Protein backbone atom coordinates (compact mmCIF):
# COMPACT_ATOMS: atom_id res chain seq x y z
CA MET A 1 -19.95 -43.09 4.30
CA ASP A 2 -17.41 -42.36 1.59
CA ASN A 3 -19.49 -39.52 0.29
CA ASP A 4 -19.83 -38.07 3.77
CA PHE A 5 -16.07 -38.31 4.33
CA TYR A 6 -15.23 -36.58 1.02
CA GLU A 7 -17.81 -33.94 1.81
CA ARG A 8 -16.21 -33.18 5.16
CA SER A 9 -12.83 -33.08 3.60
CA SER A 10 -13.96 -30.72 0.88
CA THR A 11 -15.53 -28.45 3.59
CA ARG A 12 -12.25 -28.41 5.53
CA ASN A 13 -10.24 -27.61 2.43
CA LYS A 14 -12.57 -24.71 1.68
CA LYS A 15 -12.20 -23.39 5.16
CA ARG A 16 -8.41 -23.57 4.95
CA GLU A 17 -8.42 -21.74 1.60
CA GLN A 18 -10.78 -19.11 3.08
CA LYS A 19 -8.43 -18.69 6.07
CA LYS A 20 -5.42 -18.24 3.85
CA GLN A 21 -7.30 -15.65 1.80
CA ASN A 22 -8.27 -13.81 4.98
CA VAL A 23 -4.66 -13.82 6.17
CA MET A 24 -3.35 -12.50 2.82
CA THR A 25 -6.03 -9.85 2.78
CA LYS A 26 -4.84 -8.64 6.23
CA VAL A 27 -1.20 -8.66 5.14
CA ILE A 28 -1.94 -6.60 2.07
CA VAL A 29 -4.00 -4.16 4.03
CA VAL A 30 -1.15 -3.71 6.67
CA GLN A 31 1.43 -3.25 3.86
CA LEU A 32 -0.73 -0.67 2.22
CA VAL A 33 -1.22 1.27 5.47
CA LEU A 34 2.51 1.14 6.24
CA SER A 35 3.30 2.36 2.77
CA LEU A 36 0.89 5.28 3.23
CA VAL A 37 2.39 6.11 6.55
CA VAL A 38 5.99 5.98 5.33
CA SER A 39 4.99 8.09 2.23
CA GLY A 40 3.34 10.63 4.50
CA ILE A 41 6.36 10.78 6.81
CA MET A 42 8.66 11.29 3.79
CA PHE A 43 6.39 13.95 2.39
CA ALA A 44 6.30 15.85 5.72
CA VAL A 45 10.09 15.59 6.15
CA CYS A 46 10.69 16.87 2.60
CA LYS A 47 8.45 19.91 3.26
CA THR A 48 10.75 20.90 6.21
CA ASP A 49 14.23 22.44 6.17
CA SER A 50 15.77 19.67 8.31
CA ASN A 51 19.18 18.14 7.40
CA LEU A 52 17.43 14.83 6.52
CA SER A 53 15.24 16.68 4.08
CA LYS A 54 18.18 18.47 2.44
CA ASN A 55 20.03 15.21 2.22
CA ILE A 56 17.13 13.46 0.53
CA LYS A 57 16.69 16.36 -1.92
CA SER A 58 20.32 16.45 -2.65
CA PHE A 59 20.48 12.74 -3.23
CA TYR A 60 17.42 12.89 -5.55
CA THR A 61 19.04 15.73 -7.48
CA GLU A 62 22.28 13.84 -7.84
CA ILE A 63 20.76 10.55 -9.14
CA SER A 64 18.45 12.38 -11.53
CA LYS A 65 21.56 13.77 -13.37
CA THR A 66 23.01 10.29 -13.99
CA ASP A 67 21.96 7.18 -15.77
CA ILE A 68 21.74 4.66 -12.93
CA ALA A 69 20.37 1.13 -13.01
CA VAL A 70 17.14 0.60 -11.05
CA SER A 71 18.90 -2.25 -9.12
CA THR A 72 21.60 0.20 -7.96
CA ILE A 73 19.03 2.78 -6.79
CA LEU A 74 17.14 0.17 -4.84
CA GLY A 75 20.44 -1.06 -3.32
CA VAL A 76 21.22 2.47 -2.25
CA PHE A 77 17.85 2.92 -0.60
CA LYS A 78 18.23 -0.42 1.12
CA ASN A 79 21.51 0.75 2.65
CA VAL A 80 19.97 4.05 3.68
CA ALA A 81 17.06 2.23 5.30
CA LYS A 82 19.38 -0.18 7.07
CA GLN A 83 21.62 2.66 8.55
CA THR A 84 18.75 5.04 9.40
CA PHE A 85 15.95 2.88 10.63
CA ALA A 86 17.34 -0.45 11.63
CA PRO A 87 20.86 -0.25 13.22
CA THR A 88 22.39 -3.77 12.90
CA ILE A 89 23.06 -5.93 15.93
CA ILE A 90 26.25 -7.66 15.02
CA GLU A 91 26.73 -11.39 15.65
CA GLU A 92 30.06 -12.79 16.89
CA THR A 93 31.80 -12.87 13.50
CA ALA A 94 35.08 -11.29 12.48
CA SER A 95 34.74 -7.74 13.70
CA GLY A 96 36.58 -5.03 15.66
CA GLU A 97 36.76 -1.59 17.15
CA THR A 98 37.36 1.70 15.50
CA THR A 99 40.37 4.04 15.83
CA GLU A 100 41.00 5.88 19.02
CA ASP A 101 38.35 8.48 19.88
CA SER A 102 39.84 11.86 18.82
CA GLY A 103 36.57 13.84 19.10
CA GLU A 104 35.87 13.64 15.42
CA LYS A 105 32.22 13.24 14.46
CA ALA A 106 30.41 10.96 12.03
CA ASP A 107 28.14 12.04 9.17
CA PHE A 108 25.39 9.78 7.90
CA SER A 109 24.74 11.83 4.75
CA PRO A 110 25.30 10.29 1.35
CA VAL A 111 28.80 11.13 -0.02
CA PHE A 112 30.17 11.26 -3.53
CA LEU A 113 33.80 11.45 -4.66
CA THR A 114 35.02 13.06 -7.89
CA VAL A 115 37.59 10.19 -8.26
CA ASN A 116 37.09 6.46 -8.34
CA ILE A 117 38.83 4.62 -5.50
CA ALA A 118 40.05 1.10 -5.34
CA LYS A 119 38.94 -1.60 -2.94
CA PRO A 120 41.09 -2.01 0.10
CA ILE A 121 40.48 -5.81 -0.19
CA GLU A 122 40.23 -7.13 -3.66
CA LYS A 123 37.44 -9.63 -2.95
CA GLY A 124 35.21 -9.91 0.04
CA TYR A 125 32.06 -8.81 1.81
CA ILE A 126 31.13 -6.53 4.73
CA SER A 127 30.52 -8.34 7.94
CA SER A 128 29.84 -5.21 9.99
CA HIS A 129 28.46 -2.03 8.51
CA PHE A 130 29.05 1.63 9.36
CA GLY A 131 26.52 2.83 12.06
CA TYR A 132 25.32 2.09 15.58
CA ARG A 133 25.68 -1.41 16.87
CA VAL A 134 26.36 -3.59 19.91
CA SER A 135 30.15 -3.97 20.03
CA PRO A 136 31.31 -7.60 19.97
CA ILE A 137 34.26 -6.47 22.24
CA THR A 138 32.67 -4.16 24.77
CA LYS A 139 29.09 -5.40 24.52
CA GLU A 140 27.98 -1.78 24.54
CA TYR A 141 25.82 0.05 21.97
CA SER A 142 28.20 2.43 20.14
CA LEU A 143 29.07 3.94 16.77
CA HIS A 144 31.08 1.72 14.43
CA LYS A 145 33.01 4.38 12.40
CA GLY A 146 33.91 2.10 9.50
CA ILE A 147 33.21 -1.23 7.79
CA ASP A 148 34.71 -4.69 8.55
CA ILE A 149 35.87 -6.84 5.70
CA PRO A 150 36.76 -10.42 6.61
CA ALA A 151 39.70 -11.98 4.85
CA ASN A 152 42.31 -14.77 5.22
CA ALA A 153 45.36 -13.91 7.45
CA ASN A 154 48.04 -12.13 5.46
CA SER A 155 45.69 -11.27 2.54
CA LYS A 156 46.96 -8.09 0.81
CA ILE A 157 45.52 -4.67 1.79
CA TYR A 158 45.70 -1.95 -0.83
CA ALA A 159 45.71 1.88 -0.68
CA VAL A 160 42.34 3.06 -2.17
CA TYR A 161 43.91 6.12 -3.66
CA ASP A 162 47.21 8.09 -4.02
CA GLY A 163 48.40 9.77 -0.83
CA VAL A 164 50.89 10.14 1.96
CA VAL A 165 51.10 7.81 4.99
CA GLU A 166 50.21 10.00 8.03
CA LYS A 167 50.47 7.21 10.58
CA ALA A 168 51.76 3.60 10.52
CA GLU A 169 52.01 2.36 14.08
CA TYR A 170 50.35 0.11 16.79
CA ASN A 171 47.94 0.66 19.66
CA SER A 172 45.88 -1.65 21.80
CA ILE A 173 42.62 -0.88 20.09
CA ASN A 174 43.48 -0.67 16.37
CA GLY A 175 46.44 -3.09 16.53
CA ASN A 176 48.76 -2.35 13.62
CA TYR A 177 47.10 0.42 11.68
CA ILE A 178 47.66 2.97 8.94
CA ILE A 179 46.17 6.34 8.22
CA ILE A 180 46.68 7.75 4.71
CA LYS A 181 46.10 11.38 3.80
CA HIS A 182 44.88 11.67 0.27
CA SER A 183 44.10 15.39 0.24
CA ASP A 184 43.31 18.22 2.67
CA SER A 185 39.78 16.87 3.04
CA LEU A 186 40.09 13.14 2.55
CA LYS A 187 41.71 10.39 4.77
CA THR A 188 41.37 6.66 5.02
CA THR A 189 42.35 4.18 7.83
CA TYR A 190 43.29 0.53 7.75
CA ASN A 191 43.13 -1.25 11.09
CA HIS A 192 43.99 -4.63 12.79
CA CYS A 193 46.78 -5.41 10.24
CA ASN A 194 49.09 -8.36 10.83
CA LYS A 195 52.01 -6.54 9.10
CA LEU A 196 52.53 -2.98 7.92
CA LEU A 197 54.51 -2.57 4.64
CA VAL A 198 54.79 1.22 4.74
CA GLN A 199 55.88 3.80 7.26
CA LYS A 200 55.03 7.42 8.12
CA GLY A 201 55.86 9.88 5.29
CA ASP A 202 55.80 7.25 2.51
CA LYS A 203 54.06 8.24 -0.70
CA VAL A 204 51.63 5.50 -1.90
CA LYS A 205 49.78 4.93 -5.13
CA LYS A 206 46.15 3.78 -5.72
CA GLY A 207 46.16 -0.10 -5.60
CA GLU A 208 49.57 -0.36 -3.91
CA CYS A 209 49.86 -3.06 -1.30
CA ILE A 210 50.38 -1.37 2.05
CA ALA A 211 49.77 -4.08 4.72
CA LEU A 212 48.60 -7.67 5.35
CA VAL A 213 45.34 -8.68 6.96
CA GLY A 214 45.40 -9.71 10.66
CA GLU A 215 43.53 -9.57 13.96
CA THR A 216 45.72 -7.31 16.05
CA GLY A 217 44.26 -5.08 18.68
CA TYR A 218 40.53 -5.38 19.55
CA ALA A 219 39.42 -7.89 17.00
CA THR A 220 37.48 -11.22 16.98
CA GLY A 221 38.96 -12.58 13.75
CA ASN A 222 41.14 -11.84 10.70
CA HIS A 223 39.67 -8.80 8.90
CA LEU A 224 40.21 -5.24 7.75
CA HIS A 225 38.48 -2.42 9.54
CA PHE A 226 38.35 0.35 6.97
CA GLU A 227 37.40 3.98 7.59
CA LEU A 228 36.67 6.89 5.31
CA ILE A 229 37.14 10.40 6.78
CA ILE A 230 35.97 13.47 4.89
CA ASN A 231 36.48 16.97 6.30
CA ASP A 232 37.31 15.41 9.70
CA LYS A 233 34.07 13.43 9.86
CA TYR A 234 33.68 9.68 9.54
CA VAL A 235 31.32 8.75 6.71
CA ASN A 236 29.90 5.48 5.41
CA PRO A 237 32.46 3.88 3.06
CA THR A 238 29.78 1.86 1.32
CA TRP A 239 28.70 4.99 -0.57
CA VAL A 240 31.90 4.91 -2.60
CA LEU A 241 33.03 1.27 -2.35
CA ASP A 242 31.28 -1.59 -4.33
CA TYR A 243 31.02 -4.56 -1.99
CA GLY A 244 27.42 -5.26 -2.84
CA VAL A 245 24.32 -4.32 -0.73
């Protein structure tokens, strides 16, 4: 009887192991097929003259000129995949809306600056990325033109680079907000501030405290909504800010 019991147990264990192996085989086959499909699509795209093809080629040319850690490259591709193929559905965390719609367009292409800019919040993480999402305020699918960085109320907000304050005012969407013009082609915005420490026309330096974190305007918690505008187009700030991937 004991021998029969152990024999049946051994048979069941073998069947379980076989089942696991079959599942793993299927998973590997699916991954290989998906890899081949993605590779084929990327190859086809790169053979065309589309904007995506040009951006990929330009990015490859750029990284091939510089010594970059493999982890950094993988992080960049992770961000690209996140923004291009899987727009994030944002949970009800600290978040908010963008500046008033002025007809300016967004550009999803990689961007590179010839200067190093400072972080607008010294320490933190991104709770809501640049790209399309379901707005936590309107519940509609729309373009989030910047990034949201949660922080404690009245945490310091810093100018990311030298410039002149173009706007320092309030509206119902942005709350207390600042727009800094850094050059003819570069601007940054800082929204939902609790208190503004500069006014229109002020000259500011990189790393200077310009405001305090709040949740004024359309916001669901204390945070900074930060935007990067290049040549009158909203671009993804994570290309030039190091808040992790």
